[in-house]
Protein backbone atom coordinates (compact mmCIF):
# COMPACT_ATOMS: atom_id res chain seq x y z
CA MET A 1 0.00 0.00 0.00
CA LYS A 2 1.25 3.46 -0.91
CA VAL A 3 0.83 5.87 2.00
CA PHE A 4 1.44 9.60 1.97
CA ALA A 5 1.73 10.83 5.57
CA PHE A 6 2.82 14.25 6.73
CA GLY A 7 2.64 16.78 9.49
CA ALA A 8 0.99 19.98 8.28
CA SER A 9 3.67 22.05 9.92
CA GLY A 10 6.93 23.30 8.50
CA SER A 11 9.07 22.54 11.50
CA ASP A 12 11.95 20.11 11.16
CA THR A 13 11.10 18.84 14.67
CA SER A 14 7.34 18.62 14.09
CA ILE A 15 5.47 16.42 16.56
CA ASN A 16 2.68 16.26 13.99
CA GLN A 17 5.11 14.77 11.47
CA LYS A 18 6.04 12.20 14.10
CA LEU A 19 2.35 11.40 14.71
CA ALA A 20 1.59 11.03 10.98
CA VAL A 21 4.53 8.66 10.48
CA PHE A 22 3.58 6.73 13.64
CA ALA A 23 0.08 6.22 12.27
CA ALA A 24 1.37 5.19 8.83
CA ASN A 25 3.64 2.58 10.35
CA LYS A 26 0.73 1.10 12.33
CA LEU A 27 -1.54 0.67 9.30
CA PRO A 28 -2.78 -2.92 9.10
CA CYS A 29 -1.79 -4.11 5.65
CA SER A 30 -1.06 -7.46 4.04
CA THR A 31 1.55 -5.93 1.72
CA PRO A 32 4.56 -3.76 2.57
CA ILE A 33 3.84 -0.09 3.07
CA GLU A 34 5.53 2.37 0.71
CA LEU A 35 5.69 5.57 2.75
CA SER A 36 6.25 9.04 1.35
CA THR A 37 6.30 12.17 3.50
CA LEU A 38 6.99 15.88 3.42
CA GLU A 39 9.98 17.46 5.09
CA ALA A 40 10.28 20.98 6.51
CA ASP A 41 12.00 22.17 3.31
CA ASP A 42 8.95 21.11 1.27
CA PHE A 43 7.02 23.97 2.90
CA ASP A 44 9.65 26.58 2.02
CA LEU A 45 8.11 28.56 -0.82
CA PRO A 46 7.18 32.21 -1.23
CA LEU A 47 4.04 33.51 0.41
CA PHE A 48 1.28 33.01 -2.15
CA THR A 49 -0.03 36.11 -3.90
CA SER A 50 -1.35 36.50 -7.43
CA GLN A 51 1.67 38.73 -8.11
CA LYS A 52 4.08 35.94 -7.02
CA GLU A 53 2.14 33.53 -9.24
CA GLN A 54 2.50 35.91 -12.21
CA GLU A 55 6.22 36.33 -11.51
CA LEU A 56 6.64 32.56 -11.43
CA GLU A 57 4.82 32.22 -14.75
CA GLN A 58 6.93 34.95 -16.33
CA SER A 59 10.19 33.37 -15.18
CA THR A 60 9.35 29.68 -15.79
CA GLY A 61 6.38 29.66 -18.15
CA SER A 62 4.22 27.94 -15.54
CA LYS A 63 2.03 29.09 -12.65
CA ALA A 64 2.67 25.77 -10.90
CA HIS A 65 5.23 26.10 -8.13
CA PRO A 66 7.38 22.91 -8.18
CA LYS A 67 6.86 22.26 -4.45
CA ALA A 68 3.09 22.56 -4.81
CA GLN A 69 3.20 20.22 -7.80
CA ALA A 70 5.30 17.78 -5.77
CA LEU A 71 2.59 17.75 -3.07
CA LEU A 72 -0.06 16.96 -5.68
CA ASP A 73 2.13 14.26 -7.22
CA LYS A 74 2.60 12.56 -3.83
CA ILE A 75 -1.14 12.60 -3.20
CA GLN A 76 -1.81 11.24 -6.70
CA ALA A 77 0.65 8.37 -6.18
CA ALA A 78 -0.83 7.40 -2.78
CA ASP A 79 -3.54 4.89 -2.00
CA VAL A 80 -4.27 6.70 1.28
CA VAL A 81 -3.31 10.00 2.90
CA ILE A 82 -2.63 10.75 6.57
CA VAL A 83 -2.35 14.39 7.63
CA SER A 84 -1.59 15.55 11.16
CA PHE A 85 -2.31 19.22 11.76
CA ALA A 86 -0.18 21.54 13.82
CA GLU A 87 -2.24 24.25 15.46
CA HIS A 88 -1.03 27.83 15.44
CA ASN A 89 -3.32 30.25 17.26
CA GLY A 90 -6.36 28.05 16.72
CA ASN A 91 -5.79 27.44 13.00
CA TYR A 92 -3.59 25.62 10.47
CA SER A 93 0.07 26.50 10.44
CA ALA A 94 0.94 29.28 8.00
CA ALA A 95 3.44 26.95 6.33
CA PHE A 96 0.75 24.39 5.48
CA LYS A 97 -1.80 27.02 4.45
CA ASN A 98 0.69 28.60 2.07
CA LEU A 99 1.60 25.27 0.42
CA PHE A 100 -2.13 24.47 0.26
CA ASP A 101 -2.85 27.83 -1.43
CA TRP A 102 -0.18 27.25 -4.08
CA ALA A 103 -1.38 23.69 -4.73
CA SER A 104 -5.03 24.73 -5.02
CA ARG A 105 -4.11 27.00 -7.91
CA ILE A 106 -2.94 23.92 -9.83
CA GLU A 107 -5.71 21.53 -8.72
CA GLN A 108 -8.69 22.71 -6.67
CA LYS A 109 -9.45 19.14 -5.50
CA ILE A 110 -6.00 18.83 -3.91
CA PHE A 111 -6.75 15.55 -2.15
CA GLN A 112 -8.05 13.94 -5.36
CA ASN A 113 -10.75 11.94 -3.53
CA LYS A 114 -8.13 9.85 -1.72
CA PRO A 115 -9.14 8.18 1.56
CA THR A 116 -7.77 10.59 4.15
CA LEU A 117 -7.23 10.29 7.89
CA LEU A 118 -6.99 13.58 9.78
CA LEU A 119 -4.97 13.77 12.99
CA SER A 120 -3.65 16.49 15.25
CA THR A 121 -1.53 16.77 18.33
CA SER A 122 0.05 19.41 20.53
CA PRO A 123 1.87 19.56 23.84
CA GLY A 124 -1.33 20.91 25.39
CA GLY A 125 -4.52 19.31 26.62
CA ARG A 126 -6.63 19.99 23.51
CA GLY A 127 -4.20 18.33 21.12
CA GLY A 128 -4.60 20.78 18.25
CA LYS A 129 -8.33 20.15 18.18
CA SER A 130 -9.24 23.58 16.76
CA ALA A 131 -7.11 23.08 13.63
CA LEU A 132 -8.47 19.53 13.30
CA GLU A 133 -12.07 20.79 13.43
CA ILE A 134 -11.31 23.30 10.68
CA ALA A 135 -9.76 20.55 8.55
CA GLU A 136 -12.76 18.25 9.09
CA LYS A 137 -15.09 20.95 7.76
CA SER A 138 -13.01 22.33 4.90
CA LEU A 139 -10.93 19.54 3.38
CA PRO A 140 -13.82 17.55 1.88
CA ARG A 141 -14.43 20.58 -0.37
CA PHE A 142 -10.87 20.07 -1.61
CA GLY A 143 -11.31 16.41 -2.47
CA ALA A 144 -10.41 14.74 0.84
CA ALA A 145 -12.45 11.56 1.34
CA VAL A 146 -12.19 11.86 5.12
CA VAL A 147 -12.55 8.47 6.83
CA GLY A 148 -12.10 9.82 10.36
CA SER A 149 -10.15 12.06 12.68
CA LEU A 150 -8.40 11.92 16.02
CA SER A 151 -6.75 14.46 18.28
CA ILE A 152 -3.93 13.32 20.60
CA PRO A 153 -3.56 15.71 23.55
CA SER A 154 -0.38 16.17 25.56
CA PHE A 155 1.89 14.67 22.90
CA HIS A 156 4.98 14.26 25.08
CA GLU A 157 3.07 12.26 27.68
CA ALA A 158 0.87 10.35 25.20
CA PHE A 159 3.52 7.90 23.96
CA ASN A 160 5.91 5.46 25.56
CA GLU A 161 9.66 6.22 25.60
CA ASN A 162 10.46 4.98 22.06
CA MET A 163 7.15 6.18 20.61
CA SER A 164 6.08 2.69 19.65
CA MET A 165 2.68 2.89 21.36
CA LEU A 166 0.13 5.23 22.84
CA ARG A 167 -0.11 5.03 26.63
CA ASN A 168 -3.84 5.82 26.74
CA ASP A 169 -5.83 2.65 25.97
CA GLU A 170 -8.85 4.54 24.66
CA LEU A 171 -6.77 6.66 22.27
CA SER A 172 -4.82 3.59 21.18
CA TYR A 173 -8.05 1.71 20.45
CA ARG A 174 -9.52 4.66 18.51
CA MET A 175 -6.31 5.04 16.50
CA ASP A 176 -6.29 1.31 15.64
CA GLU A 177 -9.94 1.42 14.56
CA LEU A 178 -9.36 4.48 12.37
CA LEU A 179 -6.33 2.84 10.77
CA LYS A 180 -8.38 -0.29 10.01
CA THR A 181 -11.01 1.89 8.39
CA LEU A 182 -8.41 3.78 6.36
CA SER A 183 -6.77 0.56 5.25
CA SER A 184 -10.12 -0.86 4.13
CA HIS A 185 -10.63 2.18 1.86
CA ALA A 186 -7.28 1.79 0.08
CA SER A 187 -7.56 1.25 -3.66
């Protein structure tokens, strides 16, 4: 199964990246998992404006920023998508929103109707829940076939020492059930 999992952050130490990869590695699957991700550098592109888009087109002949196209290519190649949202002041991170804005200019249905699991975490007690709620409402309009969502509060206390399992039995059970559902929707 081809899995595209990433933390919607931009930080090279993103706990949401760690959560997305954790979830991908726990997917129940009878075949080996081919995992692709995003790194912090993948979010490093100019702040989207129509002027920047015009400048890009003038200099390259295309409005498609290569990093935005790479995001779309990774989604296209995947059987399933796992996104874990960092929360910045109650919303998506600016890094993700900017990449999302560039990509939506190439393909409005960014998620291309792929089965998508939405996650979030934070060091705090709400676990990035505000950003997750925004994603649950908005991403289906952009082609995300959302199969479920889960917020993991208090990230640093939520996992065992080597991050191989969740300490909270209820959260662990909910994660396992969501991963079974996601796996069952793989093409």
